[in-house]
Amino acid sequence: MAEYVAGLSYDVLNVSEAAALLRCHPKTLKIKAAEWGVPHRRQGSQLRFSKQQLLEWIQGRETYSSPKLVHMKVTA
């Protein structure tokens, strides 16, 4: 079991959770994550996403619109 370290975020999302945050289908995210440049890591055959990195990625996309991915806006 991982040791808790104060100040570090352990908010790791699976494909379904990340897809909900990005408002896309989990299968689409799994297939397109690398192509779209979505920050992720592979853990065996599974994809894992940092919620903080996803939120930062979305914020960065607000100044760039891609025809392959709907322009997303974060609301706090």
PDB file of N, CA and C in Angstrom:
ATOM      1  N   MET A   1       0.836  -1.180   0.000  1.00  0.00           N
ATOM      2  CA  MET A   1       0.000   0.000   0.000  1.00  0.00           C
ATOM      3  C   MET A   1       0.882   1.243   0.000  1.00  0.00           C
ATOM      4  N   ALA A   2       0.460   2.265  -0.764  1.00  0.00           N
ATOM      5  CA  ALA A   2       1.241   3.494  -0.860  1.00  0.00           C
ATOM      6  C   ALA A   2       1.179   4.274   0.443  1.00  0.00           C
ATOM      7  N   GLU A   3       2.296   4.889   0.751  1.00  0.00           N
ATOM      8  CA  GLU A   3       2.370   5.703   1.967  1.00  0.00           C
ATOM      9  C   GLU A   3       1.840   7.094   1.663  1.00  0.00           C
ATOM     10  N   TYR A   4       1.043   7.647   2.568  1.00  0.00           N
ATOM     11  CA  TYR A   4       0.500   8.990   2.395  1.00  0.00           C
ATOM     12  C   TYR A   4       1.595  10.013   2.619  1.00  0.00           C
ATOM     13  N   VAL A   5       1.717  10.961   1.706  1.00  0.00           N
ATOM     14  CA  VAL A   5       2.691  12.035   1.839  1.00  0.00           C
ATOM     15  C   VAL A   5       1.925  13.353   1.798  1.00  0.00           C
ATOM     16  N   ALA A   6       2.047  14.140   2.849  1.00  0.00           N
ATOM     17  CA  ALA A   6       1.326  15.420   2.938  1.00  0.00           C
ATOM     18  C   ALA A   6       1.695  16.321   1.770  1.00  0.00           C
ATOM     19  N   GLY A   7       0.696  16.963   1.198  1.00  0.00           N
ATOM     20  CA  GLY A   7       0.919  17.907   0.113  1.00  0.00           C
ATOM     21  C   GLY A   7       0.846  17.308  -1.280  1.00  0.00           C
ATOM     22  N   LEU A   8       0.879  15.982  -1.381  1.00  0.00           N
ATOM     23  CA  LEU A   8       0.768  15.346  -2.689  1.00  0.00           C
ATOM     24  C   LEU A   8      -0.680  14.979  -2.957  1.00  0.00           C
ATOM     25  N   SER A   9      -1.093  15.143  -4.212  1.00  0.00           N
ATOM     26  CA  SER A   9      -2.462  14.808  -4.593  1.00  0.00           C
ATOM     27  C   SER A   9      -2.513  13.359  -5.079  1.00  0.00           C
ATOM     28  N   TYR A  10      -3.429  12.598  -4.547  1.00  0.00           N
ATOM     29  CA  TYR A  10      -3.612  11.219  -4.971  1.00  0.00           C
ATOM     30  C   TYR A  10      -4.888  11.077  -5.779  1.00  0.00           C
ATOM     31  N   ASP A  11      -5.246  12.132  -6.475  1.00  0.00           N
ATOM     32  CA  ASP A  11      -6.479  12.154  -7.227  1.00  0.00           C
ATOM     33  C   ASP A  11      -6.233  11.572  -8.617  1.00  0.00           C
ATOM     34  N   VAL A  12      -6.160  10.255  -8.695  1.00  0.00           N
ATOM     35  CA  VAL A  12      -5.920   9.561  -9.951  1.00  0.00           C
ATOM     36  C   VAL A  12      -7.249   9.016 -10.453  1.00  0.00           C
ATOM     37  N   LEU A  13      -7.528   9.287 -11.730  1.00  0.00           N
ATOM     38  CA  LEU A  13      -8.793   8.885 -12.330  1.00  0.00           C
ATOM     39  C   LEU A  13      -8.594   7.724 -13.291  1.00  0.00           C
ATOM     40  N   ASN A  14      -9.605   6.867 -13.378  1.00  0.00           N
ATOM     41  CA  ASN A  14      -9.595   5.820 -14.398  1.00  0.00           C
ATOM     42  C   ASN A  14     -10.220   6.391 -15.672  1.00  0.00           C
ATOM     43  N   VAL A  15     -10.338   5.586 -16.710  1.00  0.00           N
ATOM     44  CA  VAL A  15     -10.853   6.062 -18.002  1.00  0.00           C
ATOM     45  C   VAL A  15     -12.276   6.600 -17.873  1.00  0.00           C
ATOM     46  N   SER A  16     -13.133   5.909 -17.161  1.00  0.00           N
ATOM     47  CA  SER A  16     -14.525   6.353 -17.027  1.00  0.00           C
ATOM     48  C   SER A  16     -14.627   7.693 -16.308  1.00  0.00           C
ATOM     49  N   GLU A  17     -13.850   7.856 -15.240  1.00  0.00           N
ATOM     50  CA  GLU A  17     -13.874   9.111 -14.479  1.00  0.00           C
ATOM     51  C   GLU A  17     -13.313  10.268 -15.301  1.00  0.00           C
ATOM     52  N   ALA A  18     -12.214  10.004 -16.013  1.00  0.00           N
ATOM     53  CA  ALA A  18     -11.610  11.047 -16.850  1.00  0.00           C
ATOM     54  C   ALA A  18     -12.539  11.421 -18.002  1.00  0.00           C
ATOM     55  N   ALA A  19     -13.192  10.430 -18.592  1.00  0.00           N
ATOM     56  CA  ALA A  19     -14.123  10.693 -19.690  1.00  0.00           C
ATOM     57  C   ALA A  19     -15.291  11.553 -19.212  1.00  0.00           C
ATOM     58  N   ALA A  20     -15.765  11.308 -18.018  1.00  0.00           N
ATOM     59  CA  ALA A  20     -16.849  12.124 -17.465  1.00  0.00           C
ATOM     60  C   ALA A  20     -16.382  13.568 -17.304  1.00  0.00           C
ATOM     61  N   LEU A  21     -15.159  13.759 -16.830  1.00  0.00           N
ATOM     62  CA  LEU A  21     -14.613  15.103 -16.660  1.00  0.00           C
ATOM     63  C   LEU A  21     -14.472  15.801 -18.015  1.00  0.00           C
ATOM     64  N   LEU A  22     -14.057  15.046 -19.031  1.00  0.00           N
ATOM     65  CA  LEU A  22     -13.839  15.606 -20.366  1.00  0.00           C
ATOM     66  C   LEU A  22     -15.098  15.600 -21.236  1.00  0.00           C
ATOM     67  N   ARG A  23     -16.152  15.001 -20.710  1.00  0.00           N
ATOM     68  CA  ARG A  23     -17.436  14.913 -21.419  1.00  0.00           C
ATOM     69  C   ARG A  23     -17.314  14.212 -22.768  1.00  0.00           C
ATOM     70  N   CYS A  24     -16.714  13.029 -22.717  1.00  0.00           N
ATOM     71  CA  CYS A  24     -16.648  12.187 -23.908  1.00  0.00           C
ATOM     72  C   CYS A  24     -16.879  10.742 -23.470  1.00  0.00           C
ATOM     73  N   HIS A  25     -17.047   9.867 -24.420  1.00  0.00           N
ATOM     74  CA  HIS A  25     -17.281   8.457 -24.107  1.00  0.00           C
ATOM     75  C   HIS A  25     -15.957   7.812 -23.682  1.00  0.00           C
ATOM     76  N   PRO A  26     -15.991   6.932 -22.675  1.00  0.00           N
ATOM     77  CA  PRO A  26     -14.759   6.273 -22.214  1.00  0.00           C
ATOM     78  C   PRO A  26     -14.002   5.544 -23.329  1.00  0.00           C
ATOM     79  N   LYS A  27     -14.714   4.866 -24.236  1.00  0.00           N
ATOM     80  CA  LYS A  27     -14.034   4.157 -25.330  1.00  0.00           C
ATOM     81  C   LYS A  27     -13.323   5.143 -26.250  1.00  0.00           C
ATOM     82  N   THR A  28     -13.955   6.288 -26.501  1.00  0.00           N
ATOM     83  CA  THR A  28     -13.339   7.310 -27.339  1.00  0.00           C
ATOM     84  C   THR A  28     -12.069   7.831 -26.680  1.00  0.00           C
ATOM     85  N   LEU A  29     -12.124   8.103 -25.388  1.00  0.00           N
ATOM     86  CA  LEU A  29     -10.951   8.597 -24.671  1.00  0.00           C
ATOM     87  C   LEU A  29      -9.830   7.569 -24.701  1.00  0.00           C
ATOM     88  N   LYS A  30     -10.144   6.327 -24.493  1.00  0.00           N
ATOM     89  CA  LYS A  30      -9.129   5.276 -24.481  1.00  0.00           C
ATOM     90  C   LYS A  30      -8.419   5.186 -25.833  1.00  0.00           C
ATOM     91  N   ILE A  31      -9.175   5.343 -26.901  1.00  0.00           N
ATOM     92  CA  ILE A  31      -8.612   5.247 -28.254  1.00  0.00           C
ATOM     93  C   ILE A  31      -7.853   6.515 -28.637  1.00  0.00           C
ATOM     94  N   LYS A  32      -8.368   7.673 -28.265  1.00  0.00           N
ATOM     95  CA  LYS A  32      -7.843   8.945 -28.753  1.00  0.00           C
ATOM     96  C   LYS A  32      -6.933   9.704 -27.788  1.00  0.00           C
ATOM     97  N   ALA A  33      -6.716   9.217 -26.574  1.00  0.00           N
ATOM     98  CA  ALA A  33      -5.947   9.963 -25.568  1.00  0.00           C
ATOM     99  C   ALA A  33      -4.596  10.441 -26.095  1.00  0.00           C
ATOM    100  N   ALA A  34      -3.826   9.568 -26.688  1.00  0.00           N
ATOM    101  CA  ALA A  34      -2.505   9.952 -27.188  1.00  0.00           C
ATOM    102  C   ALA A  34      -2.613  10.916 -28.363  1.00  0.00           C
ATOM    103  N   GLU A  35      -3.528  10.647 -29.288  1.00  0.00           N
ATOM    104  CA  GLU A  35      -3.701  11.507 -30.468  1.00  0.00           C
ATOM    105  C   GLU A  35      -4.099  12.927 -30.069  1.00  0.00           C
ATOM    106  N   TRP A  36      -4.982  13.043 -29.080  1.00  0.00           N
ATOM    107  CA  TRP A  36      -5.448  14.348 -28.622  1.00  0.00           C
ATOM    108  C   TRP A  36      -4.446  15.046 -27.715  1.00  0.00           C
ATOM    109  N   GLY A  37      -3.455  14.317 -27.232  1.00  0.00           N
ATOM    110  CA  GLY A  37      -2.473  14.913 -26.329  1.00  0.00           C
ATOM    111  C   GLY A  37      -2.948  14.992 -24.889  1.00  0.00           C
ATOM    112  N   VAL A  38      -3.916  14.156 -24.539  1.00  0.00           N
ATOM    113  CA  VAL A  38      -4.436  14.127 -23.173  1.00  0.00           C
ATOM    114  C   VAL A  38      -3.365  13.523 -22.260  1.00  0.00           C
ATOM    115  N   PRO A  39      -2.962  14.230 -21.188  1.00  0.00           N
ATOM    116  CA  PRO A  39      -1.937  13.682 -20.295  1.00  0.00           C
ATOM    117  C   PRO A  39      -2.451  12.428 -19.579  1.00  0.00           C
ATOM    118  N   HIS A  40      -1.706  11.340 -19.711  1.00  0.00           N
ATOM    119  CA  HIS A  40      -2.104  10.075 -19.096  1.00  0.00           C
ATOM    120  C   HIS A  40      -0.883   9.188 -18.914  1.00  0.00           C
ATOM    121  N   ARG A  41      -1.075   8.128 -18.171  1.00  0.00           N
ATOM    122  CA  ARG A  41      -0.040   7.104 -17.979  1.00  0.00           C
ATOM    123  C   ARG A  41      -0.689   5.741 -18.153  1.00  0.00           C
ATOM    124  N   ARG A  42       0.100   4.809 -18.584  1.00  0.00           N
ATOM    125  CA  ARG A  42      -0.371   3.427 -18.691  1.00  0.00           C
ATOM    126  C   ARG A  42       0.067   2.675 -17.446  1.00  0.00           C
ATOM    127  N   GLN A  43      -0.859   1.927 -16.900  1.00  0.00           N
ATOM    128  CA  GLN A  43      -0.557   1.046 -15.776  1.00  0.00           C
ATOM    129  C   GLN A  43      -0.975  -0.339 -16.244  1.00  0.00           C
ATOM    130  N   GLY A  44      -0.021  -1.056 -16.816  1.00  0.00           N
ATOM    131  CA  GLY A  44      -0.357  -2.314 -17.478  1.00  0.00           C
ATOM    132  C   GLY A  44      -1.162  -1.994 -18.732  1.00  0.00           C
ATOM    133  N   SER A  45      -2.350  -2.558 -18.836  1.00  0.00           N
ATOM    134  CA  SER A  45      -3.213  -2.271 -19.986  1.00  0.00           C
ATOM    135  C   SER A  45      -4.217  -1.162 -19.693  1.00  0.00           C
ATOM    136  N   GLN A  46      -4.153  -0.611 -18.489  1.00  0.00           N
ATOM    137  CA  GLN A  46      -5.104   0.427 -18.073  1.00  0.00           C
ATOM    138  C   GLN A  46      -4.502   1.828 -18.226  1.00  0.00           C
ATOM    139  N   LEU A  47      -5.358   2.797 -18.527  1.00  0.00           N
ATOM    140  CA  LEU A  47      -4.941   4.193 -18.562  1.00  0.00           C
ATOM    141  C   LEU A  47      -5.303   4.837 -17.239  1.00  0.00           C
ATOM    142  N   ARG A  48      -4.438   5.715 -16.759  1.00  0.00           N
ATOM    143  CA  ARG A  48      -4.682   6.466 -15.536  1.00  0.00           C
ATOM    144  C   ARG A  48      -4.443   7.943 -15.830  1.00  0.00           C
ATOM    145  N   PHE A  49      -5.234   8.805 -15.213  1.00  0.00           N
ATOM    146  CA  PHE A  49      -5.192  10.238 -15.460  1.00  0.00           C
ATOM    147  C   PHE A  49      -5.106  10.977 -14.132  1.00  0.00           C
ATOM    148  N   SER A  50      -4.284  12.017 -14.087  1.00  0.00           N
ATOM    149  CA  SER A  50      -4.224  12.902 -12.930  1.00  0.00           C
ATOM    150  C   SER A  50      -5.301  13.966 -13.125  1.00  0.00           C
ATOM    151  N   LYS A  51      -6.195  14.107 -12.164  1.00  0.00           N
ATOM    152  CA  LYS A  51      -7.255  15.110 -12.280  1.00  0.00           C
ATOM    153  C   LYS A  51      -6.653  16.498 -12.444  1.00  0.00           C
ATOM    154  N   GLN A  52      -5.624  16.818 -11.666  1.00  0.00           N
ATOM    155  CA  GLN A  52      -4.979  18.132 -11.745  1.00  0.00           C
ATOM    156  C   GLN A  52      -4.398  18.369 -13.135  1.00  0.00           C
ATOM    157  N   GLN A  53      -3.708  17.373 -13.696  1.00  0.00           N
ATOM    158  CA  GLN A  53      -3.131  17.528 -15.030  1.00  0.00           C
ATOM    159  C   GLN A  53      -4.217  17.682 -16.089  1.00  0.00           C
ATOM    160  N   LEU A  54      -5.322  16.960 -15.938  1.00  0.00           N
ATOM    161  CA  LEU A  54      -6.425  17.099 -16.891  1.00  0.00           C
ATOM    162  C   LEU A  54      -7.019  18.504 -16.841  1.00  0.00           C
ATOM    163  N   LEU A  55      -7.218  19.028 -15.639  1.00  0.00           N
ATOM    164  CA  LEU A  55      -7.765  20.378 -15.504  1.00  0.00           C
ATOM    165  C   LEU A  55      -6.820  21.417 -16.120  1.00  0.00           C
ATOM    166  N   GLU A  56      -5.521  21.254 -15.917  1.00  0.00           N
ATOM    167  CA  GLU A  56      -4.542  22.163 -16.512  1.00  0.00           C
ATOM    168  C   GLU A  56      -4.547  22.032 -18.030  1.00  0.00           C
ATOM    169  N   TRP A  57      -4.683  20.808 -18.528  1.00  0.00           N
ATOM    170  CA  TRP A  57      -4.731  20.561 -19.970  1.00  0.00           C
ATOM    171  C   TRP A  57      -5.958  21.242 -20.583  1.00  0.00           C
ATOM    172  N   ILE A  58      -7.100  21.126 -19.916  1.00  0.00           N
ATOM    173  CA  ILE A  58      -8.322  21.767 -20.403  1.00  0.00           C
ATOM    174  C   ILE A  58      -8.134  23.281 -20.430  1.00  0.00           C
ATOM    175  N   GLN A  59      -7.576  23.844 -19.373  1.00  0.00           N
ATOM    176  CA  GLN A  59      -7.342  25.294 -19.312  1.00  0.00           C
ATOM    177  C   GLN A  59      -6.460  25.740 -20.475  1.00  0.00           C
ATOM    178  N   GLY A  60      -5.428  24.963 -20.790  1.00  0.00           N
ATOM    179  CA  GLY A  60      -4.530  25.285 -21.903  1.00  0.00           C
ATOM    180  C   GLY A  60      -5.227  25.232 -23.245  1.00  0.00           C
ATOM    181  N   ARG A  61      -6.237  24.401 -23.365  1.00  0.00           N
ATOM    182  CA  ARG A  61      -6.971  24.271 -24.623  1.00  0.00           C
ATOM    183  C   ARG A  61      -7.921  25.432 -24.860  1.00  0.00           C
ATOM    184  N   GLU A  62      -8.184  26.223 -23.850  1.00  0.00           N
ATOM    185  CA  GLU A  62      -9.114  27.343 -24.015  1.00  0.00           C
ATOM    186  C   GLU A  62      -8.588  28.367 -25.024  1.00  0.00           C
ATOM    187  N   THR A  63      -7.275  28.381 -25.260  1.00  0.00           N
ATOM    188  CA  THR A  63      -6.714  29.315 -26.225  1.00  0.00           C
ATOM    189  C   THR A  63      -6.441  28.657 -27.569  1.00  0.00           C
ATOM    190  N   TYR A  64      -6.742  27.358 -27.689  1.00  0.00           N
ATOM    191  CA  TYR A  64      -6.495  26.618 -28.924  1.00  0.00           C
ATOM    192  C   TYR A  64      -7.692  25.738 -29.210  1.00  0.00           C
ATOM    193  N   SER A  65      -8.213  25.820 -30.398  1.00  0.00           N
ATOM    194  CA  SER A  65      -9.375  25.004 -30.759  1.00  0.00           C
ATOM    195  C   SER A  65      -8.944  23.962 -31.776  1.00  0.00           C
ATOM    196  N   SER A  66      -9.199  22.716 -31.491  1.00  0.00           N
ATOM    197  CA  SER A  66      -8.859  21.619 -32.381  1.00  0.00           C
ATOM    198  C   SER A  66     -10.119  21.081 -33.044  1.00  0.00           C
ATOM    199  N   PRO A  67     -10.074  20.803 -34.342  1.00  0.00           N
ATOM    200  CA  PRO A  67     -11.253  20.241 -34.998  1.00  0.00           C
ATOM    201  C   PRO A  67     -11.555  18.824 -34.525  1.00  0.00           C
ATOM    202  N   LYS A  68     -10.562  18.141 -33.914  1.00  0.00           N
ATOM    203  CA  LYS A  68     -10.766  16.767 -33.466  1.00  0.00           C
ATOM    204  C   LYS A  68     -11.351  16.682 -32.065  1.00  0.00           C
ATOM    205  N   LEU A  69     -11.326  17.775 -31.334  1.00  0.00           N
ATOM    206  CA  LEU A  69     -11.811  17.753 -29.965  1.00  0.00           C
ATOM    207  C   LEU A  69     -12.611  19.013 -29.703  1.00  0.00           C
ATOM    208  N   VAL A  70     -13.785  18.857 -29.181  1.00  0.00           N
ATOM    209  CA  VAL A  70     -14.642  19.995 -28.905  1.00  0.00           C
ATOM    210  C   VAL A  70     -13.966  20.928 -27.913  1.00  0.00           C
ATOM    211  N   HIS A  71     -14.041  22.217 -28.175  1.00  0.00           N
ATOM    212  CA  HIS A  71     -13.479  23.235 -27.283  1.00  0.00           C
ATOM    213  C   HIS A  71     -14.147  23.115 -25.916  1.00  0.00           C
ATOM    214  N   MET A  72     -13.362  22.898 -24.879  1.00  0.00           N
ATOM    215  CA  MET A  72     -13.900  22.679 -23.545  1.00  0.00           C
ATOM    216  C   MET A  72     -13.588  23.845 -22.631  1.00  0.00           C
ATOM    217  N   LYS A  73     -14.474  24.132 -21.732  1.00  0.00           N
ATOM    218  CA  LYS A  73     -14.269  25.200 -20.758  1.00  0.00           C
ATOM    219  C   LYS A  73     -14.513  24.639 -19.371  1.00  0.00           C
ATOM    220  N   VAL A  74     -13.621  24.949 -18.440  1.00  0.00           N
ATOM    221  CA  VAL A  74     -13.751  24.479 -17.060  1.00  0.00           C
ATOM    222  C   VAL A  74     -14.554  25.494 -16.275  1.00  0.00           C
ATOM    223  N   THR A  75     -15.522  25.002 -15.543  1.00  0.00           N
ATOM    224  CA  THR A  75     -16.279  25.861 -14.626  1.00  0.00           C
ATOM    225  C   THR A  75     -16.042  25.370 -13.225  1.00  0.00           C
ATOM    226  N   ALA A  76     -15.643  26.259 -12.376  1.00  0.00           N
ATOM    227  CA  ALA A  76     -15.320  25.859 -10.996  1.00  0.00           C
ATOM    228  C   ALA A  76     -16.512  25.938 -10.103  1.00  0.00           C
TER     229      ALA A  76
END
